[in-house]
Each structure stands twice: as structure tokens, then as C-alpha cells.
Amino acid sequence: ESQRRAFSAKPNNVCVFLSHISIDKDAAIKIGEYIMST
């Protein structure tokens, strides 16, 4: 719950929904991990 509250409290509050076809799931996971690392 504290992680969810922290998201709501962020000043820029950006969340990127990653739309993909399931066969490209591995690429979506790697891209998502990279985006989170930033």
C-alpha cells in the first residue's frame, strides 16, 4: 500500500501502459524493466 501511495504522491506521476501482443511478451518485459530502471 505504501508503494501505491508513493506513486500517487509523485510530482510527475507518470505511468506508461505497455500495449503488446502476447507473442512479444519477452520484449515487452525487457522494455518495461528498462523503463522502470530509469
PDB file of all heavy atoms in Angstrom:
ATOM      1  N   GLU A   1       0.841  -1.206   0.000  1.00  0.00           N
ATOM      2  CA  GLU A   1       0.000   0.000   0.000  1.00  0.00           C
ATOM      3  C   GLU A   1       0.873   1.251   0.000  1.00  0.00           C
ATOM      4  O   GLU A   1       0.540   2.248  -0.648  1.00  0.00           O
ATOM      5  CB  GLU A   1      -0.944  -0.011   1.195  1.00  0.00           C
ATOM      6  CG  GLU A   1      -2.025   1.043   1.130  1.00  0.00           C
ATOM      7  CD  GLU A   1      -2.858   0.989  -0.158  1.00  0.00           C
ATOM      8  OE1 GLU A   1      -3.167  -0.120  -0.650  1.00  0.00           O
ATOM      9  OE2 GLU A   1      -3.195   2.071  -0.671  1.00  0.00           O
ATOM     10  N   SER A   2       2.017   1.213   0.682  1.00  0.00           N
ATOM     11  CA  SER A   2       2.890   2.388   0.702  1.00  0.00           C
ATOM     12  C   SER A   2       3.497   2.639  -0.685  1.00  0.00           C
ATOM     13  O   SER A   2       3.689   3.786  -1.074  1.00  0.00           O
ATOM     14  CB  SER A   2       3.997   2.236   1.752  1.00  0.00           C
ATOM     15  OG  SER A   2       4.848   1.165   1.435  1.00  0.00           O
ATOM     16  N   GLN A   3       3.784   1.577  -1.455  1.00  0.00           N
ATOM     17  CA  GLN A   3       4.278   1.768  -2.821  1.00  0.00           C
ATOM     18  C   GLN A   3       3.199   2.398  -3.700  1.00  0.00           C
ATOM     19  O   GLN A   3       3.479   3.266  -4.509  1.00  0.00           O
ATOM     20  CB  GLN A   3       4.724   0.433  -3.427  1.00  0.00           C
ATOM     21  CG  GLN A   3       6.022  -0.091  -2.861  1.00  0.00           C
ATOM     22  CD  GLN A   3       6.332  -1.475  -3.370  1.00  0.00           C
ATOM     23  OE1 GLN A   3       5.509  -2.374  -3.311  1.00  0.00           O
ATOM     24  NE2 GLN A   3       7.545  -1.640  -3.868  1.00  0.00           N
ATOM     25  N   ARG A   4       1.968   1.961  -3.525  1.00  0.00           N
ATOM     26  CA  ARG A   4       0.872   2.548  -4.306  1.00  0.00           C
ATOM     27  C   ARG A   4       0.656   4.011  -3.927  1.00  0.00           C
ATOM     28  O   ARG A   4       0.423   4.852  -4.782  1.00  0.00           O
ATOM     29  CB  ARG A   4      -0.403   1.739  -4.125  1.00  0.00           C
ATOM     30  CG  ARG A   4      -0.308   0.368  -4.762  1.00  0.00           C
ATOM     31  CD  ARG A   4      -1.636  -0.374  -4.694  1.00  0.00           C
ATOM     32  NE  ARG A   4      -1.470  -1.750  -5.084  1.00  0.00           N
ATOM     33  CZ  ARG A   4      -1.381  -2.187  -6.336  1.00  0.00           C
ATOM     34  NH1 ARG A   4      -1.458  -1.334  -7.330  1.00  0.00           N
ATOM     35  NH2 ARG A   4      -1.217  -3.457  -6.602  1.00  0.00           N
ATOM     36  N   ARG A   5       0.749   4.331  -2.645  1.00  0.00           N
ATOM     37  CA  ARG A   5       0.618   5.727  -2.200  1.00  0.00           C
ATOM     38  C   ARG A   5       1.768   6.568  -2.730  1.00  0.00           C
ATOM     39  O   ARG A   5       1.586   7.717  -3.110  1.00  0.00           O
ATOM     40  CB  ARG A   5       0.553   5.804  -0.680  1.00  0.00           C
ATOM     41  CG  ARG A   5      -0.822   5.563  -0.111  1.00  0.00           C
ATOM     42  CD  ARG A   5      -0.922   6.011   1.349  1.00  0.00           C
ATOM     43  NE  ARG A   5       0.073   5.389   2.200  1.00  0.00           N
ATOM     44  CZ  ARG A   5      -0.058   4.217   2.837  1.00  0.00           C
ATOM     45  NH1 ARG A   5      -1.167   3.534   2.707  1.00  0.00           N
ATOM     46  NH2 ARG A   5       0.898   3.741   3.583  1.00  0.00           N
ATOM     47  N   ALA A   6       2.983   5.977  -2.761  1.00  0.00           N
ATOM     48  CA  ALA A   6       4.151   6.713  -3.265  1.00  0.00           C
ATOM     49  C   ALA A   6       3.946   7.087  -4.725  1.00  0.00           C
ATOM     50  O   ALA A   6       4.309   8.182  -5.151  1.00  0.00           O
ATOM     51  CB  ALA A   6       5.419   5.880  -3.097  1.00  0.00           C
ATOM     52  N   PHE A   7       3.343   6.189  -5.521  1.00  0.00           N
ATOM     53  CA  PHE A   7       3.055   6.508  -6.916  1.00  0.00           C
ATOM     54  C   PHE A   7       2.126   7.711  -6.988  1.00  0.00           C
ATOM     55  O   PHE A   7       2.359   8.643  -7.738  1.00  0.00           O
ATOM     56  CB  PHE A   7       2.435   5.323  -7.654  1.00  0.00           C
ATOM     57  CG  PHE A   7       1.886   5.710  -9.003  1.00  0.00           C
ATOM     58  CD1 PHE A   7       2.725   5.985 -10.055  1.00  0.00           C
ATOM     59  CD2 PHE A   7       0.521   5.847  -9.202  1.00  0.00           C
ATOM     60  CE1 PHE A   7       2.231   6.366 -11.300  1.00  0.00           C
ATOM     61  CE2 PHE A   7       0.015   6.226 -10.433  1.00  0.00           C
ATOM     62  CZ  PHE A   7       0.871   6.490 -11.479  1.00  0.00           C
ATOM     63  N   SER A   8       1.065   7.696  -6.195  1.00  0.00           N
ATOM     64  CA  SER A   8       0.091   8.792  -6.219  1.00  0.00           C
ATOM     65  C   SER A   8       0.705  10.116  -5.795  1.00  0.00           C
ATOM     66  O   SER A   8       0.253  11.173  -6.216  1.00  0.00           O
ATOM     67  CB  SER A   8      -1.088   8.462  -5.301  1.00  0.00           C
ATOM     68  OG  SER A   8      -1.737   7.309  -5.766  1.00  0.00           O
ATOM     69  N   ALA A   9       1.737  10.061  -4.962  1.00  0.00           N
ATOM     70  CA  ALA A   9       2.345  11.282  -4.440  1.00  0.00           C
ATOM     71  C   ALA A   9       3.465  11.823  -5.331  1.00  0.00           C
ATOM     72  O   ALA A   9       3.948  12.922  -5.097  1.00  0.00           O
ATOM     73  CB  ALA A   9       2.896  11.015  -3.042  1.00  0.00           C
ATOM     74  N   LYS A  10       3.884  11.087  -6.334  1.00  0.00           N
ATOM     75  CA  LYS A  10       4.977  11.545  -7.192  1.00  0.00           C
ATOM     76  C   LYS A  10       4.578  12.827  -7.917  1.00  0.00           C
ATOM     77  O   LYS A  10       3.456  12.933  -8.404  1.00  0.00           O
ATOM     78  CB  LYS A  10       5.339  10.483  -8.240  1.00  0.00           C
ATOM     79  CG  LYS A  10       6.158   9.354  -7.706  1.00  0.00           C
ATOM     80  CD  LYS A  10       6.538   8.434  -8.844  1.00  0.00           C
ATOM     81  CE  LYS A  10       7.391   7.300  -8.350  1.00  0.00           C
ATOM     82  NZ  LYS A  10       7.714   6.378  -9.431  1.00  0.00           N
ATOM     83  N   PRO A  11       5.519  13.767  -8.029  1.00  0.00           N
ATOM     84  CA  PRO A  11       5.180  15.030  -8.697  1.00  0.00           C
ATOM     85  C   PRO A  11       4.808  14.862 -10.169  1.00  0.00           C
ATOM     86  O   PRO A  11       3.871  15.469 -10.644  1.00  0.00           O
ATOM     87  CB  PRO A  11       6.438  15.879  -8.539  1.00  0.00           C
ATOM     88  CG  PRO A  11       7.478  15.016  -7.935  1.00  0.00           C
ATOM     89  CD  PRO A  11       6.859  13.726  -7.514  1.00  0.00           C
ATOM     90  N   ASN A  12       5.552  14.015 -10.904  1.00  0.00           N
ATOM     91  CA  ASN A  12       5.225  13.871 -12.326  1.00  0.00           C
ATOM     92  C   ASN A  12       4.198  12.770 -12.550  1.00  0.00           C
ATOM     93  O   ASN A  12       3.522  12.747 -13.554  1.00  0.00           O
ATOM     94  CB  ASN A  12       6.477  13.624 -13.163  1.00  0.00           C
ATOM     95  CG  ASN A  12       7.189  12.322 -12.811  1.00  0.00           C
ATOM     96  OD1 ASN A  12       6.820  11.615 -11.880  1.00  0.00           O
ATOM     97  ND2 ASN A  12       8.218  12.018 -13.564  1.00  0.00           N
ATOM     98  N   ASN A  13       4.097  11.821 -11.632  1.00  0.00           N
ATOM     99  CA  ASN A  13       3.047  10.788 -11.630  1.00  0.00           C
ATOM    100  C   ASN A  13       2.863  10.131 -12.997  1.00  0.00           C
ATOM    101  O   ASN A  13       1.753   9.947 -13.463  1.00  0.00           O
ATOM    102  CB  ASN A  13       1.731  11.400 -11.143  1.00  0.00           C
ATOM    103  CG  ASN A  13       0.793  10.368 -10.588  1.00  0.00           C
ATOM    104  OD1 ASN A  13       1.214   9.318 -10.124  1.00  0.00           O
ATOM    105  ND2 ASN A  13      -0.495  10.657 -10.636  1.00  0.00           N
ATOM    106  N   VAL A  14       3.964   9.787 -13.663  1.00  0.00           N
ATOM    107  CA  VAL A  14       3.906   9.157 -14.978  1.00  0.00           C
ATOM    108  C   VAL A  14       3.831   7.642 -14.821  1.00  0.00           C
ATOM    109  O   VAL A  14       4.582   7.052 -14.056  1.00  0.00           O
ATOM    110  CB  VAL A  14       5.145   9.530 -15.829  1.00  0.00           C
ATOM    111  CG1 VAL A  14       5.199   8.722 -17.114  1.00  0.00           C
ATOM    112  CG2 VAL A  14       5.143  11.017 -16.137  1.00  0.00           C
ATOM    113  N   CYS A  15       2.911   7.037 -15.545  1.00  0.00           N
ATOM    114  CA  CYS A  15       2.819   5.583 -15.624  1.00  0.00           C
ATOM    115  C   CYS A  15       2.529   5.230 -17.082  1.00  0.00           C
ATOM    116  O   CYS A  15       1.543   5.696 -17.647  1.00  0.00           O
ATOM    117  CB  CYS A  15       1.726   5.025 -14.716  1.00  0.00           C
ATOM    118  SG  CYS A  15       1.576   3.228 -14.830  1.00  0.00           S
ATOM    119  N   VAL A  16       3.402   4.407 -17.675  1.00  0.00           N
ATOM    120  CA  VAL A  16       3.283   4.042 -19.078  1.00  0.00           C
ATOM    121  C   VAL A  16       2.682   2.642 -19.190  1.00  0.00           C
ATOM    122  O   VAL A  16       3.276   1.667 -18.729  1.00  0.00           O
ATOM    123  CB  VAL A  16       4.657   4.088 -19.787  1.00  0.00           C
ATOM    124  CG1 VAL A  16       4.513   3.705 -21.255  1.00  0.00           C
ATOM    125  CG2 VAL A  16       5.295   5.469 -19.653  1.00  0.00           C
ATOM    126  N   PHE A  17       1.499   2.560 -19.772  1.00  0.00           N
ATOM    127  CA  PHE A  17       0.844   1.284 -20.066  1.00  0.00           C
ATOM    128  C   PHE A  17       1.529   0.703 -21.295  1.00  0.00           C
ATOM    129  O   PHE A  17       1.590   1.352 -22.335  1.00  0.00           O
ATOM    130  CB  PHE A  17      -0.643   1.531 -20.343  1.00  0.00           C
ATOM    131  CG  PHE A  17      -1.445   0.300 -20.673  1.00  0.00           C
ATOM    132  CD1 PHE A  17      -2.159  -0.363 -19.687  1.00  0.00           C
ATOM    133  CD2 PHE A  17      -1.506  -0.185 -21.974  1.00  0.00           C
ATOM    134  CE1 PHE A  17      -2.918  -1.484 -19.983  1.00  0.00           C
ATOM    135  CE2 PHE A  17      -2.257  -1.313 -22.286  1.00  0.00           C
ATOM    136  CZ  PHE A  17      -2.964  -1.969 -21.283  1.00  0.00           C
ATOM    137  N   LEU A  18       2.065  -0.509 -21.175  1.00  0.00           N
ATOM    138  CA  LEU A  18       2.770  -1.133 -22.290  1.00  0.00           C
ATOM    139  C   LEU A  18       1.833  -2.086 -23.013  1.00  0.00           C
ATOM    140  O   LEU A  18       1.521  -3.177 -22.536  1.00  0.00           O
ATOM    141  CB  LEU A  18       4.018  -1.868 -21.794  1.00  0.00           C
ATOM    142  CG  LEU A  18       5.079  -0.972 -21.160  1.00  0.00           C
ATOM    143  CD1 LEU A  18       6.236  -1.804 -20.626  1.00  0.00           C
ATOM    144  CD2 LEU A  18       5.571   0.081 -22.139  1.00  0.00           C
ATOM    145  N   SER A  19       1.391  -1.651 -24.177  1.00  0.00           N
ATOM    146  CA  SER A  19       0.499  -2.442 -25.018  1.00  0.00           C
ATOM    147  C   SER A  19       1.361  -3.315 -25.924  1.00  0.00           C
ATOM    148  O   SER A  19       2.311  -2.831 -26.534  1.00  0.00           O
ATOM    149  CB  SER A  19      -0.365  -1.493 -25.858  1.00  0.00           C
ATOM    150  OG  SER A  19      -1.125  -2.205 -26.789  1.00  0.00           O
ATOM    151  N   HIS A  20       1.026  -4.602 -25.996  1.00  0.00           N
ATOM    152  CA  HIS A  20       1.813  -5.523 -26.815  1.00  0.00           C
ATOM    153  C   HIS A  20       0.989  -6.760 -27.141  1.00  0.00           C
ATOM    154  O   HIS A  20       0.020  -7.067 -26.458  1.00  0.00           O
ATOM    155  CB  HIS A  20       3.088  -5.947 -26.080  1.00  0.00           C
ATOM    156  CG  HIS A  20       2.802  -6.749 -24.847  1.00  0.00           C
ATOM    157  ND1 HIS A  20       2.305  -6.191 -23.689  1.00  0.00           N
ATOM    158  CD2 HIS A  20       2.895  -8.067 -24.602  1.00  0.00           C
ATOM    159  CE1 HIS A  20       2.128  -7.131 -22.787  1.00  0.00           C
ATOM    160  NE2 HIS A  20       2.474  -8.294 -23.306  1.00  0.00           N
ATOM    161  N   ILE A  21       1.394  -7.473 -28.164  1.00  0.00           N
ATOM    162  CA  ILE A  21       0.782  -8.754 -28.479  1.00  0.00           C
ATOM    163  C   ILE A  21       1.518  -9.811 -27.641  1.00  0.00           C
ATOM    164  O   ILE A  21       2.728  -9.690 -27.413  1.00  0.00           O
ATOM    165  CB  ILE A  21       0.843  -9.035 -30.006  1.00  0.00           C
ATOM    166  CG1 ILE A  21       0.017 -10.252 -30.381  1.00  0.00           C
ATOM    167  CG2 ILE A  21       2.262  -9.134 -30.497  1.00  0.00           C
ATOM    168  CD1 ILE A  21      -0.205 -10.398 -31.890  1.00  0.00           C
ATOM    169  N   SER A  22       0.794 -10.803 -27.157  1.00  0.00           N
ATOM    170  CA  SER A  22       1.385 -11.743 -26.197  1.00  0.00           C
ATOM    171  C   SER A  22       2.631 -12.459 -26.722  1.00  0.00           C
ATOM    172  O   SER A  22       3.529 -12.767 -25.950  1.00  0.00           O
ATOM    173  CB  SER A  22       0.344 -12.749 -25.719  1.00  0.00           C
ATOM    174  OG  SER A  22      -0.175 -13.480 -26.806  1.00  0.00           O
ATOM    175  N   ILE A  23       2.729 -12.672 -28.015  1.00  0.00           N
ATOM    176  CA  ILE A  23       3.910 -13.347 -28.561  1.00  0.00           C
ATOM    177  C   ILE A  23       5.173 -12.486 -28.386  1.00  0.00           C
ATOM    178  O   ILE A  23       6.284 -13.006 -28.397  1.00  0.00           O
ATOM    179  CB  ILE A  23       3.687 -13.756 -30.040  1.00  0.00           C
ATOM    180  CG1 ILE A  23       4.669 -14.830 -30.433  1.00  0.00           C
ATOM    181  CG2 ILE A  23       3.729 -12.554 -30.963  1.00  0.00           C
ATOM    182  CD1 ILE A  23       4.294 -15.596 -31.677  1.00  0.00           C
ATOM    183  N   ASP A  24       5.017 -11.186 -28.189  1.00  0.00           N
ATOM    184  CA  ASP A  24       6.144 -10.273 -27.957  1.00  0.00           C
ATOM    185  C   ASP A  24       6.351  -9.979 -26.469  1.00  0.00           C
ATOM    186  O   ASP A  24       6.983  -8.992 -26.106  1.00  0.00           O
ATOM    187  CB  ASP A  24       5.930  -8.960 -28.722  1.00  0.00           C
ATOM    188  CG  ASP A  24       5.997  -9.145 -30.222  1.00  0.00           C
ATOM    189  OD1 ASP A  24       6.726 -10.044 -30.684  1.00  0.00           O
ATOM    190  OD2 ASP A  24       5.307  -8.392 -30.936  1.00  0.00           O
ATOM    191  N   LYS A  25       5.839 -10.853 -25.618  1.00  0.00           N
ATOM    192  CA  LYS A  25       5.910 -10.637 -24.167  1.00  0.00           C
ATOM    193  C   LYS A  25       7.348 -10.469 -23.678  1.00  0.00           C
ATOM    194  O   LYS A  25       7.611  -9.602 -22.840  1.00  0.00           O
ATOM    195  CB  LYS A  25       5.233 -11.796 -23.433  1.00  0.00           C
ATOM    196  CG  LYS A  25       5.306 -11.675 -21.926  1.00  0.00           C
ATOM    197  CD  LYS A  25       4.488 -12.732 -21.224  1.00  0.00           C
ATOM    198  CE  LYS A  25       5.112 -14.089 -21.406  1.00  0.00           C
ATOM    199  NZ  LYS A  25       4.491 -15.132 -20.604  1.00  0.00           N
ATOM    200  N   ASP A  26       8.296 -11.264 -24.185  1.00  0.00           N
ATOM    201  CA  ASP A  26       9.683 -11.152 -23.719  1.00  0.00           C
ATOM    202  C   ASP A  26      10.259  -9.765 -23.990  1.00  0.00           C
ATOM    203  O   ASP A  26      10.905  -9.177 -23.124  1.00  0.00           O
ATOM    204  CB  ASP A  26      10.562 -12.231 -24.358  1.00  0.00           C
ATOM    205  CG  ASP A  26      10.226 -13.628 -23.855  1.00  0.00           C
ATOM    206  OD1 ASP A  26       9.594 -13.764 -22.787  1.00  0.00           O
ATOM    207  OD2 ASP A  26      10.595 -14.596 -24.549  1.00  0.00           O
ATOM    208  N   ALA A  27      10.001  -9.242 -25.175  1.00  0.00           N
ATOM    209  CA  ALA A  27      10.468  -7.891 -25.499  1.00  0.00           C
ATOM    210  C   ALA A  27       9.783  -6.867 -24.602  1.00  0.00           C
ATOM    211  O   ALA A  27      10.428  -5.947 -24.099  1.00  0.00           O
ATOM    212  CB  ALA A  27      10.210  -7.571 -26.971  1.00  0.00           C
ATOM    213  N   ALA A  28       8.479  -7.027 -24.372  1.00  0.00           N
ATOM    214  CA  ALA A  28       7.733  -6.093 -23.512  1.00  0.00           C
ATOM    215  C   ALA A  28       8.293  -6.106 -22.093  1.00  0.00           C
ATOM    216  O   ALA A  28       8.415  -5.056 -21.460  1.00  0.00           O
ATOM    217  CB  ALA A  28       6.248  -6.439 -23.515  1.00  0.00           C
ATOM    218  N   ILE A  29       8.633  -7.281 -21.593  1.00  0.00           N
ATOM    219  CA  ILE A  29       9.204  -7.381 -20.239  1.00  0.00           C
ATOM    220  C   ILE A  29      10.536  -6.642 -20.167  1.00  0.00           C
ATOM    221  O   ILE A  29      10.769  -5.854 -19.247  1.00  0.00           O
ATOM    222  CB  ILE A  29       9.359  -8.856 -19.819  1.00  0.00           C
ATOM    223  CG1 ILE A  29       7.983  -9.479 -19.575  1.00  0.00           C
ATOM    224  CG2 ILE A  29      10.240  -8.988 -18.573  1.00  0.00           C
ATOM    225  CD1 ILE A  29       7.991 -10.990 -19.407  1.00  0.00           C
ATOM    226  N   LYS A  30      11.417  -6.878 -21.136  1.00  0.00           N
ATOM    227  CA  LYS A  30      12.737  -6.217 -21.135  1.00  0.00           C
ATOM    228  C   LYS A  30      12.593  -4.706 -21.268  1.00  0.00           C
ATOM    229  O   LYS A  30      13.281  -3.939 -20.580  1.00  0.00           O
ATOM    230  CB  LYS A  30      13.628  -6.764 -22.253  1.00  0.00           C
ATOM    231  CG  LYS A  30      14.034  -8.188 -22.063  1.00  0.00           C
ATOM    232  CD  LYS A  30      14.968  -8.334 -20.895  1.00  0.00           C
ATOM    233  CE  LYS A  30      15.470  -9.766 -20.822  1.00  0.00           C
ATOM    234  NZ  LYS A  30      16.146 -10.069 -19.594  1.00  0.00           N
ATOM    235  N   ILE A  31      11.713  -4.267 -22.138  1.00  0.00           N
ATOM    236  CA  ILE A  31      11.484  -2.824 -22.307  1.00  0.00           C
ATOM    237  C   ILE A  31      10.900  -2.244 -21.023  1.00  0.00           C
ATOM    238  O   ILE A  31      11.328  -1.188 -20.565  1.00  0.00           O
ATOM    239  CB  ILE A  31      10.590  -2.569 -23.535  1.00  0.00           C
ATOM    240  CG1 ILE A  31      11.372  -2.920 -24.811  1.00  0.00           C
ATOM    241  CG2 ILE A  31      10.084  -1.125 -23.568  1.00  0.00           C
ATOM    242  CD1 ILE A  31      10.518  -3.065 -26.059  1.00  0.00           C
ATOM    243  N   GLY A  32       9.944  -2.940 -20.421  1.00  0.00           N
ATOM    244  CA  GLY A  32       9.359  -2.481 -19.160  1.00  0.00           C
ATOM    245  C   GLY A  32      10.403  -2.391 -18.058  1.00  0.00           C
ATOM    246  O   GLY A  32      10.435  -1.413 -17.302  1.00  0.00           O
ATOM    247  N   GLU A  33      11.254  -3.395 -17.940  1.00  0.00           N
ATOM    248  CA  GLU A  33      12.322  -3.368 -16.925  1.00  0.00           C
ATOM    249  C   GLU A  33      13.249  -2.186 -17.157  1.00  0.00           C
ATOM    250  O   GLU A  33      13.668  -1.512 -16.213  1.00  0.00           O
ATOM    251  CB  GLU A  33      13.116  -4.677 -16.954  1.00  0.00           C
ATOM    252  CG  GLU A  33      12.351  -5.863 -16.397  1.00  0.00           C
ATOM    253  CD  GLU A  33      13.053  -7.199 -16.615  1.00  0.00           C
ATOM    254  OE1 GLU A  33      14.087  -7.249 -17.350  1.00  0.00           O
ATOM    255  OE2 GLU A  33      12.564  -8.205 -16.069  1.00  0.00           O
ATOM    256  N   TYR A  34      13.563  -1.929 -18.419  1.00  0.00           N
ATOM    257  CA  TYR A  34      14.446  -0.810 -18.726  1.00  0.00           C
ATOM    258  C   TYR A  34      13.786   0.521 -18.356  1.00  0.00           C
ATOM    259  O   TYR A  34      14.411   1.373 -17.717  1.00  0.00           O
ATOM    260  CB  TYR A  34      14.861  -0.809 -20.200  1.00  0.00           C
ATOM    261  CG  TYR A  34      15.817   0.312 -20.483  1.00  0.00           C
ATOM    262  CD1 TYR A  34      17.129   0.241 -20.025  1.00  0.00           C
ATOM    263  CD2 TYR A  34      15.404   1.467 -21.135  1.00  0.00           C
ATOM    264  CE1 TYR A  34      18.012   1.289 -20.220  1.00  0.00           C
ATOM    265  CE2 TYR A  34      16.280   2.515 -21.344  1.00  0.00           C
ATOM    266  CZ  TYR A  34      17.587   2.420 -20.886  1.00  0.00           C
ATOM    267  OH  TYR A  34      18.456   3.466 -21.063  1.00  0.00           O
ATOM    268  N   ILE A  35      12.533   0.682 -18.737  1.00  0.00           N
ATOM    269  CA  ILE A  35      11.835   1.925 -18.414  1.00  0.00           C
ATOM    270  C   ILE A  35      11.786   2.123 -16.894  1.00  0.00           C
ATOM    271  O   ILE A  35      12.038   3.217 -16.392  1.00  0.00           O
ATOM    272  CB  ILE A  35      10.425   1.953 -19.046  1.00  0.00           C
ATOM    273  CG1 ILE A  35      10.553   2.052 -20.576  1.00  0.00           C
ATOM    274  CG2 ILE A  35       9.587   3.110 -18.490  1.00  0.00           C
ATOM    275  CD1 ILE A  35       9.246   1.865 -21.331  1.00  0.00           C
ATOM    276  N   MET A  36      11.488   1.052 -16.149  1.00  0.00           N
ATOM    277  CA  MET A  36      11.470   1.164 -14.685  1.00  0.00           C
ATOM    278  C   MET A  36      12.845   1.524 -14.137  1.00  0.00           C
ATOM    279  O   MET A  36      12.948   2.271 -13.156  1.00  0.00           O
ATOM    280  CB  MET A  36      10.956  -0.127 -14.048  1.00  0.00           C
ATOM    281  CG  MET A  36       9.472  -0.338 -14.231  1.00  0.00           C
ATOM    282  SD  MET A  36       8.809  -1.736 -13.282  1.00  0.00           S
ATOM    283  CE  MET A  36       9.757  -3.120 -13.895  1.00  0.00           C
ATOM    284  N   SER A  37      13.916   1.027 -14.763  1.00  0.00           N
ATOM    285  CA  SER A  37      15.271   1.335 -14.286  1.00  0.00           C
ATOM    286  C   SER A  37      15.584   2.824 -14.392  1.00  0.00           C
ATOM    287  O   SER A  37      16.487   3.314 -13.719  1.00  0.00           O
ATOM    288  CB  SER A  37      16.320   0.515 -15.046  1.00  0.00           C
ATOM    289  OG  SER A  37      16.571   1.057 -16.328  1.00  0.00           O
ATOM    290  N   THR A  38      14.836   3.541 -15.227  1.00  0.00           N
ATOM    291  CA  THR A  38      15.057   4.980 -15.385  1.00  0.00           C
ATOM    292  C   THR A  38      14.212   5.804 -14.414  1.00  0.00           C
ATOM    293  O   THR A  38      14.245   7.029 -14.445  1.00  0.00           O
ATOM    294  CB  THR A  38      14.751   5.443 -16.830  1.00  0.00           C
ATOM    295  OG1 THR A  38      13.349   5.380 -17.074  1.00  0.00           O
ATOM    296  CG2 THR A  38      15.515   4.613 -17.848  1.00  0.00           C
TER     297      THR A  38
END
